[in-house]
Amino acid sequence: MGTVKSETSHHQPLEDVIKDAVEADNNIREEVRRITLNVLSDGKLNIDEITQVTYRVVKGAGLGAVIHGPDGRNKLANAVAGLDDALCSAAEASKLAIEEASSHVKTFNKQDLQHAIKDLNDLESMYLETLKDVAKETSETVSETLNDLVRHGRLTGTGIGQKATETAKLLNEQLSERLSETVSAGVDSASKVTSNLAYAAAGFLEAIAQTLDKKITSTSSEN
């Protein structure tokens, strides 16, 4: 299991960066999305790394929401929405990495595809479980808000759930018939494929983040 960087490029713990962003109350959703994408794209993008970052973002958001009193619920909900946005971008980056890898038939096969798709399908449950985990460790107001978001997500679905399902379906349609049934040659080979996908996905995610930021900057200038 990899260990995601616990600090940002400014050597400040991720929880504190998110806390400060929520306290500042300056377009919380967009700030949390931007910070989360920046951290996720720094290294490799796999389910373990995403889980760790998700936990730290939610924890920091809860700490930052407390200062806003009764309005903290809305601030926390906006922060979690920003996290959801970032995870959707992560799913898109994983899709691009898988599509790229599938062109190398000697190192990528149906078993690799199935493993990668499983990770995509696990994103929503990981996201909701992380909200629940943080809810157990925080103040009553934050806990109630997070549990409400979990209940709502399970009833109506989440952005990352919808994105992951669509992405998995598309990948299956695009690649399943093309890929070989050959099983990867041993654990080391399978691990190498997974690792390469994770690093490639992080690179695609960084490009996605830069594109989104350019669009936002352009829109802000025009307004």
C-alpha atoms as a PDB file:
ATOM      1  CA  MET A   1       0.000   0.000   0.000  1.00  0.00           C
ATOM      2  CA  GLY A   2       1.399   3.346  -1.030  1.00  0.00           C
ATOM      3  CA  THR A   3       1.542   6.327   1.273  1.00  0.00           C
ATOM      4  CA  VAL A   4       0.188   9.553  -0.096  1.00  0.00           C
ATOM      5  CA  LYS A   5       1.998  12.722   0.851  1.00  0.00           C
ATOM      6  CA  SER A   6       0.468  14.068   4.049  1.00  0.00           C
ATOM      7  CA  GLU A   7       1.729  17.550   3.312  1.00  0.00           C
ATOM      8  CA  THR A   8       1.162  19.949   0.449  1.00  0.00           C
ATOM      9  CA  SER A   9       3.889  21.590  -1.585  1.00  0.00           C
ATOM     10  CA  HIS A  10       3.960  24.315   1.095  1.00  0.00           C
ATOM     11  CA  HIS A  11       4.743  21.708   3.774  1.00  0.00           C
ATOM     12  CA  GLN A  12       1.404  22.228   5.474  1.00  0.00           C
ATOM     13  CA  PRO A  13      -0.682  19.148   6.372  1.00  0.00           C
ATOM     14  CA  LEU A  14      -3.513  18.574   3.917  1.00  0.00           C
ATOM     15  CA  GLU A  15      -6.101  18.668   6.704  1.00  0.00           C
ATOM     16  CA  ASP A  16      -4.934  22.169   7.646  1.00  0.00           C
ATOM     17  CA  VAL A  17      -4.987  23.400   4.043  1.00  0.00           C
ATOM     18  CA  ILE A  18      -8.586  22.223   3.630  1.00  0.00           C
ATOM     19  CA  LYS A  19      -9.546  23.602   7.057  1.00  0.00           C
ATOM     20  CA  ASP A  20      -8.161  27.028   6.093  1.00  0.00           C
ATOM     21  CA  ALA A  21     -10.017  26.957   2.763  1.00  0.00           C
ATOM     22  CA  VAL A  22     -13.343  26.190   4.450  1.00  0.00           C
ATOM     23  CA  GLU A  23     -12.787  28.809   7.145  1.00  0.00           C
ATOM     24  CA  ALA A  24     -11.917  31.434   4.512  1.00  0.00           C
ATOM     25  CA  ASP A  25     -15.276  30.755   2.808  1.00  0.00           C
ATOM     26  CA  ASN A  26     -14.049  31.847  -0.614  1.00  0.00           C
ATOM     27  CA  ASN A  27     -15.694  29.552  -3.171  1.00  0.00           C
ATOM     28  CA  ILE A  28     -15.224  26.522  -0.927  1.00  0.00           C
ATOM     29  CA  ARG A  29     -16.317  23.920  -3.463  1.00  0.00           C
ATOM     30  CA  GLU A  30     -13.863  25.098  -6.094  1.00  0.00           C
ATOM     31  CA  GLU A  31     -11.003  25.511  -3.624  1.00  0.00           C
ATOM     32  CA  VAL A  32     -11.448  22.008  -2.204  1.00  0.00           C
ATOM     33  CA  ARG A  33     -11.635  20.564  -5.707  1.00  0.00           C
ATOM     34  CA  ARG A  34      -8.442  22.355  -6.712  1.00  0.00           C
ATOM     35  CA  ILE A  35      -6.499  21.370  -3.595  1.00  0.00           C
ATOM     36  CA  THR A  36      -7.625  17.755  -3.797  1.00  0.00           C
ATOM     37  CA  LEU A  37      -6.696  17.426  -7.466  1.00  0.00           C
ATOM     38  CA  ASN A  38      -3.279  18.940  -6.766  1.00  0.00           C
ATOM     39  CA  VAL A  39      -2.539  16.357  -4.076  1.00  0.00           C
ATOM     40  CA  LEU A  40      -3.982  13.386  -5.986  1.00  0.00           C
ATOM     41  CA  SER A  41      -1.917  14.178  -9.077  1.00  0.00           C
ATOM     42  CA  ASP A  42       1.326  14.313  -7.074  1.00  0.00           C
ATOM     43  CA  GLY A  43       2.605  10.750  -7.287  1.00  0.00           C
ATOM     44  CA  LYS A  44       0.394   7.843  -8.275  1.00  0.00           C
ATOM     45  CA  LEU A  45      -3.361   7.498  -8.446  1.00  0.00           C
ATOM     46  CA  ASN A  46      -4.675   4.251  -6.983  1.00  0.00           C
ATOM     47  CA  ILE A  47      -7.478   3.328  -4.607  1.00  0.00           C
ATOM     48  CA  ASP A  48      -5.234   3.397  -1.522  1.00  0.00           C
ATOM     49  CA  GLU A  49      -3.917   6.866  -2.273  1.00  0.00           C
ATOM     50  CA  ILE A  50      -7.390   8.171  -3.086  1.00  0.00           C
ATOM     51  CA  THR A  51      -8.787   6.747   0.154  1.00  0.00           C
ATOM     52  CA  GLN A  52      -6.120   8.443   2.256  1.00  0.00           C
ATOM     53  CA  VAL A  53      -6.590  11.799   0.549  1.00  0.00           C
ATOM     54  CA  THR A  54     -10.375  11.531   0.824  1.00  0.00           C
ATOM     55  CA  TYR A  55     -10.150  10.926   4.573  1.00  0.00           C
ATOM     56  CA  ARG A  56      -7.856  13.903   5.127  1.00  0.00           C
ATOM     57  CA  VAL A  57      -9.964  16.225   3.002  1.00  0.00           C
ATOM     58  CA  VAL A  58     -13.184  15.321   4.832  1.00  0.00           C
ATOM     59  CA  LYS A  59     -11.486  15.626   8.212  1.00  0.00           C
ATOM     60  CA  GLY A  60     -10.071  19.055   7.356  1.00  0.00           C
ATOM     61  CA  ALA A  61     -13.416  20.210   5.970  1.00  0.00           C
ATOM     62  CA  GLY A  62     -15.133  19.243   9.212  1.00  0.00           C
ATOM     63  CA  LEU A  63     -12.597  21.179  11.261  1.00  0.00           C
ATOM     64  CA  GLY A  64     -13.031  24.251   9.077  1.00  0.00           C
ATOM     65  CA  ALA A  65     -16.834  24.111   9.106  1.00  0.00           C
ATOM     66  CA  VAL A  66     -17.062  24.391  12.903  1.00  0.00           C
ATOM     67  CA  ILE A  67     -16.018  28.051  12.913  1.00  0.00           C
ATOM     68  CA  HIS A  68     -19.090  29.000  10.856  1.00  0.00           C
ATOM     69  CA  GLY A  69     -21.537  27.865  13.540  1.00  0.00           C
ATOM     70  CA  PRO A  70     -25.017  26.955  12.244  1.00  0.00           C
ATOM     71  CA  ASP A  71     -23.959  27.813   8.686  1.00  0.00           C
ATOM     72  CA  GLY A  72     -21.166  25.273   8.963  1.00  0.00           C
ATOM     73  CA  ARG A  73     -23.466  22.597   7.559  1.00  0.00           C
ATOM     74  CA  ASN A  74     -23.646  24.371   4.204  1.00  0.00           C
ATOM     75  CA  LYS A  75     -19.901  25.029   4.193  1.00  0.00           C
ATOM     76  CA  LEU A  76     -19.168  21.376   4.878  1.00  0.00           C
ATOM     77  CA  ALA A  77     -21.611  20.244   2.205  1.00  0.00           C
ATOM     78  CA  ASN A  78     -19.881  22.532  -0.308  1.00  0.00           C
ATOM     79  CA  ALA A  79     -16.484  21.142   0.667  1.00  0.00           C
ATOM     80  CA  VAL A  80     -17.683  17.560   0.229  1.00  0.00           C
ATOM     81  CA  ALA A  81     -19.144  18.512  -3.158  1.00  0.00           C
ATOM     82  CA  GLY A  82     -15.702  19.788  -4.150  1.00  0.00           C
ATOM     83  CA  LEU A  83     -14.217  16.467  -3.105  1.00  0.00           C
ATOM     84  CA  ASP A  84     -16.843  14.655  -5.186  1.00  0.00           C
ATOM     85  CA  ASP A  85     -15.889  16.819  -8.179  1.00  0.00           C
ATOM     86  CA  ALA A  86     -12.220  15.927  -7.713  1.00  0.00           C
ATOM     87  CA  LEU A  87     -12.989  12.216  -7.509  1.00  0.00           C
ATOM     88  CA  CYS A  88     -14.950  12.451 -10.759  1.00  0.00           C
ATOM     89  CA  SER A  89     -11.861  13.923 -12.392  1.00  0.00           C
ATOM     90  CA  ALA A  90      -9.784  11.109 -10.892  1.00  0.00           C
ATOM     91  CA  ALA A  91     -12.128   8.566 -12.486  1.00  0.00           C
ATOM     92  CA  GLU A  92     -11.726  10.304 -15.842  1.00  0.00           C
ATOM     93  CA  ALA A  93      -7.939  10.262 -15.457  1.00  0.00           C
ATOM     94  CA  SER A  94      -8.010   6.536 -14.680  1.00  0.00           C
ATOM     95  CA  LYS A  95     -10.104   5.954 -17.799  1.00  0.00           C
ATOM     96  CA  LEU A  96      -7.574   7.792 -19.954  1.00  0.00           C
ATOM     97  CA  ALA A  97      -4.700   5.817 -18.432  1.00  0.00           C
ATOM     98  CA  ILE A  98      -6.472   2.503 -19.038  1.00  0.00           C
ATOM     99  CA  GLU A  99      -7.267   3.424 -22.642  1.00  0.00           C
ATOM    100  CA  GLU A 100      -3.631   4.360 -23.187  1.00  0.00           C
ATOM    101  CA  ALA A 101      -2.367   1.142 -21.588  1.00  0.00           C
ATOM    102  CA  SER A 102      -4.750  -1.011 -23.612  1.00  0.00           C
ATOM    103  CA  SER A 103      -2.816  -0.160 -26.756  1.00  0.00           C
ATOM    104  CA  HIS A 104       0.112  -2.137 -25.318  1.00  0.00           C
ATOM    105  CA  VAL A 105      -1.384  -5.592 -25.677  1.00  0.00           C
ATOM    106  CA  LYS A 106       1.700  -7.362 -24.350  1.00  0.00           C
ATOM    107  CA  THR A 107       1.423  -5.710 -20.944  1.00  0.00           C
ATOM    108  CA  PHE A 108      -2.322  -5.190 -20.557  1.00  0.00           C
ATOM    109  CA  ASN A 109      -5.080  -7.803 -20.742  1.00  0.00           C
ATOM    110  CA  LYS A 110      -8.639  -8.480 -19.642  1.00  0.00           C
ATOM    111  CA  GLN A 111      -7.592  -9.374 -16.114  1.00  0.00           C
ATOM    112  CA  ASP A 112      -5.881  -5.999 -15.761  1.00  0.00           C
ATOM    113  CA  LEU A 113      -8.978  -4.294 -17.151  1.00  0.00           C
ATOM    114  CA  GLN A 114     -11.230  -6.093 -14.680  1.00  0.00           C
ATOM    115  CA  HIS A 115      -8.997  -5.101 -11.775  1.00  0.00           C
ATOM    116  CA  ALA A 116      -8.897  -1.459 -12.892  1.00  0.00           C
ATOM    117  CA  ILE A 117     -12.675  -1.382 -13.353  1.00  0.00           C
ATOM    118  CA  LYS A 118     -13.185  -2.870  -9.898  1.00  0.00           C
ATOM    119  CA  ASP A 119     -11.161   0.003  -8.444  1.00  0.00           C
ATOM    120  CA  LEU A 120     -13.422   2.448 -10.300  1.00  0.00           C
ATOM    121  CA  ASN A 121     -16.555   0.745  -9.022  1.00  0.00           C
ATOM    122  CA  ASP A 122     -15.177   0.855  -5.474  1.00  0.00           C
ATOM    123  CA  LEU A 123     -14.784   4.636  -5.500  1.00  0.00           C
ATOM    124  CA  GLU A 124     -18.342   5.499  -4.446  1.00  0.00           C
ATOM    125  CA  SER A 125     -18.458   3.016  -1.571  1.00  0.00           C
ATOM    126  CA  MET A 126     -15.013   4.211  -0.413  1.00  0.00           C
ATOM    127  CA  TYR A 127     -16.208   7.824  -0.558  1.00  0.00           C
ATOM    128  CA  LEU A 128     -19.364   7.161   1.467  1.00  0.00           C
ATOM    129  CA  GLU A 129     -17.580   4.924   3.982  1.00  0.00           C
ATOM    130  CA  THR A 130     -14.960   7.620   4.526  1.00  0.00           C
ATOM    131  CA  LEU A 131     -17.666  10.185   5.271  1.00  0.00           C
ATOM    132  CA  LYS A 132     -19.065   7.747   7.836  1.00  0.00           C
ATOM    133  CA  ASP A 133     -15.641   7.120   9.373  1.00  0.00           C
ATOM    134  CA  VAL A 134     -14.925  10.820   9.847  1.00  0.00           C
ATOM    135  CA  ALA A 135     -18.446  11.333  11.238  1.00  0.00           C
ATOM    136  CA  LYS A 136     -17.573   8.989  14.105  1.00  0.00           C
ATOM    137  CA  GLU A 137     -14.594  11.107  15.132  1.00  0.00           C
ATOM    138  CA  THR A 138     -15.903  14.661  15.016  1.00  0.00           C
ATOM    139  CA  SER A 139     -18.353  17.112  16.597  1.00  0.00           C
ATOM    140  CA  GLU A 140     -22.091  16.469  16.699  1.00  0.00           C
ATOM    141  CA  THR A 141     -22.980  19.034  14.046  1.00  0.00           C
ATOM    142  CA  VAL A 142     -20.300  17.845  11.626  1.00  0.00           C
ATOM    143  CA  SER A 143     -21.218  14.226  12.322  1.00  0.00           C
ATOM    144  CA  GLU A 144     -24.905  14.842  11.593  1.00  0.00           C
ATOM    145  CA  THR A 145     -24.070  16.661   8.366  1.00  0.00           C
ATOM    146  CA  LEU A 146     -21.771  13.911   7.104  1.00  0.00           C
ATOM    147  CA  ASN A 147     -24.249  11.173   7.979  1.00  0.00           C
ATOM    148  CA  ASP A 148     -26.988  13.136   6.176  1.00  0.00           C
ATOM    149  CA  LEU A 149     -24.755  13.334   3.103  1.00  0.00           C
ATOM    150  CA  VAL A 150     -24.146   9.579   3.282  1.00  0.00           C
ATOM    151  CA  ARG A 151     -27.877   8.835   3.501  1.00  0.00           C
ATOM    152  CA  HIS A 152     -28.617  11.193   0.627  1.00  0.00           C
ATOM    153  CA  GLY A 153     -25.816   9.689  -1.446  1.00  0.00           C
ATOM    154  CA  ARG A 154     -27.121   6.169  -0.946  1.00  0.00           C
ATOM    155  CA  LEU A 155     -30.655   7.177  -1.835  1.00  0.00           C
ATOM    156  CA  THR A 156     -30.004   9.347  -4.871  1.00  0.00           C
ATOM    157  CA  GLY A 157     -26.456   8.447  -5.843  1.00  0.00           C
ATOM    158  CA  THR A 158     -23.327  10.578  -5.958  1.00  0.00           C
ATOM    159  CA  GLY A 159     -21.423  12.321  -8.692  1.00  0.00           C
ATOM    160  CA  ILE A 160     -18.500   9.922  -8.363  1.00  0.00           C
ATOM    161  CA  GLY A 161     -20.852   6.927  -8.344  1.00  0.00           C
ATOM    162  CA  GLN A 162     -22.469   7.978 -11.590  1.00  0.00           C
ATOM    163  CA  LYS A 163     -19.139   8.868 -13.186  1.00  0.00           C
ATOM    164  CA  ALA A 164     -17.500   5.592 -12.142  1.00  0.00           C
ATOM    165  CA  THR A 165     -20.412   3.516 -13.444  1.00  0.00           C
ATOM    166  CA  GLU A 166     -20.437   5.319 -16.776  1.00  0.00           C
ATOM    167  CA  THR A 167     -16.657   5.043 -17.084  1.00  0.00           C
ATOM    168  CA  ALA A 168     -16.579   1.325 -16.258  1.00  0.00           C
ATOM    169  CA  LYS A 169     -19.336   0.607 -18.767  1.00  0.00           C
ATOM    170  CA  LEU A 170     -17.574   2.590 -21.488  1.00  0.00           C
ATOM    171  CA  LEU A 171     -14.247   0.867 -20.867  1.00  0.00           C
ATOM    172  CA  ASN A 172     -15.863  -2.549 -21.019  1.00  0.00           C
ATOM    173  CA  GLU A 173     -17.516  -1.670 -24.321  1.00  0.00           C
ATOM    174  CA  GLN A 174     -14.362  -0.188 -25.803  1.00  0.00           C
ATOM    175  CA  LEU A 175     -11.747  -2.657 -24.655  1.00  0.00           C
ATOM    176  CA  SER A 176     -13.154  -6.010 -23.606  1.00  0.00           C
ATOM    177  CA  GLU A 177     -13.257  -7.524 -27.089  1.00  0.00           C
ATOM    178  CA  ARG A 178      -9.861  -6.148 -28.037  1.00  0.00           C
ATOM    179  CA  LEU A 179      -7.873  -7.362 -25.081  1.00  0.00           C
ATOM    180  CA  SER A 180      -6.225 -10.731 -24.688  1.00  0.00           C
ATOM    181  CA  GLU A 181      -7.496 -13.322 -22.209  1.00  0.00           C
ATOM    182  CA  THR A 182      -3.872 -14.018 -21.262  1.00  0.00           C
ATOM    183  CA  VAL A 183      -3.293 -13.806 -17.539  1.00  0.00           C
ATOM    184  CA  SER A 184      -0.452 -11.579 -16.415  1.00  0.00           C
ATOM    185  CA  ALA A 185       2.737 -13.557 -15.855  1.00  0.00           C
ATOM    186  CA  GLY A 186       2.778 -13.713 -12.069  1.00  0.00           C
ATOM    187  CA  VAL A 187       2.204 -11.312  -9.220  1.00  0.00           C
ATOM    188  CA  ASP A 188       5.180  -9.118 -10.074  1.00  0.00           C
ATOM    189  CA  SER A 189       3.919  -8.530 -13.606  1.00  0.00           C
ATOM    190  CA  ALA A 190       0.388  -7.732 -12.447  1.00  0.00           C
ATOM    191  CA  SER A 191       1.746  -5.387  -9.767  1.00  0.00           C
ATOM    192  CA  LYS A 192       3.858  -3.585 -12.362  1.00  0.00           C
ATOM    193  CA  VAL A 193       0.848  -3.032 -14.603  1.00  0.00           C
ATOM    194  CA  THR A 194      -1.166  -1.666 -11.688  1.00  0.00           C
ATOM    195  CA  SER A 195       1.656   0.634 -10.635  1.00  0.00           C
ATOM    196  CA  ASN A 196       2.192   1.918 -14.166  1.00  0.00           C
ATOM    197  CA  LEU A 197      -1.522   2.644 -14.506  1.00  0.00           C
ATOM    198  CA  ALA A 198      -1.496   4.555 -11.216  1.00  0.00           C
ATOM    199  CA  TYR A 199       1.384   6.792 -12.278  1.00  0.00           C
ATOM    200  CA  ALA A 200      -0.092   7.345 -15.735  1.00  0.00           C
ATOM    201  CA  ALA A 201      -3.469   8.248 -14.225  1.00  0.00           C
ATOM    202  CA  ALA A 202      -1.812  10.826 -11.965  1.00  0.00           C
ATOM    203  CA  GLY A 203      -0.236  12.426 -15.027  1.00  0.00           C
ATOM    204  CA  PHE A 204      -3.576  12.600 -16.821  1.00  0.00           C
ATOM    205  CA  LEU A 205      -5.181  14.012 -13.671  1.00  0.00           C
ATOM    206  CA  GLU A 206      -2.636  16.797 -13.493  1.00  0.00           C
ATOM    207  CA  ALA A 207      -3.454  17.740 -17.101  1.00  0.00           C
ATOM    208  CA  ILE A 208      -7.190  17.662 -16.336  1.00  0.00           C
ATOM    209  CA  ALA A 209      -6.669  19.893 -13.301  1.00  0.00           C
ATOM    210  CA  GLN A 210      -4.695  22.420 -15.315  1.00  0.00           C
ATOM    211  CA  THR A 211      -7.366  22.500 -18.022  1.00  0.00           C
ATOM    212  CA  LEU A 212     -10.140  23.048 -15.464  1.00  0.00           C
ATOM    213  CA  ASP A 213      -8.199  25.844 -13.776  1.00  0.00           C
ATOM    214  CA  LYS A 214      -7.594  27.574 -17.105  1.00  0.00           C
ATOM    215  CA  LYS A 215     -11.327  27.421 -17.894  1.00  0.00           C
ATOM    216  CA  ILE A 216     -12.229  28.856 -14.490  1.00  0.00           C
ATOM    217  CA  THR A 217      -9.651  31.627 -14.785  1.00  0.00           C
ATOM    218  CA  SER A 218     -10.924  32.463 -18.276  1.00  0.00           C
ATOM    219  CA  THR A 219     -14.551  32.553 -17.111  1.00  0.00           C
ATOM    220  CA  SER A 220     -13.679  34.736 -14.124  1.00  0.00           C
ATOM    221  CA  SER A 221     -11.833  37.193 -16.374  1.00  0.00           C
ATOM    222  CA  GLU A 222     -14.759  37.432 -18.747  1.00  0.00           C
ATOM    223  CA  ASN A 223     -17.176  38.060 -15.889  1.00  0.00           C
END
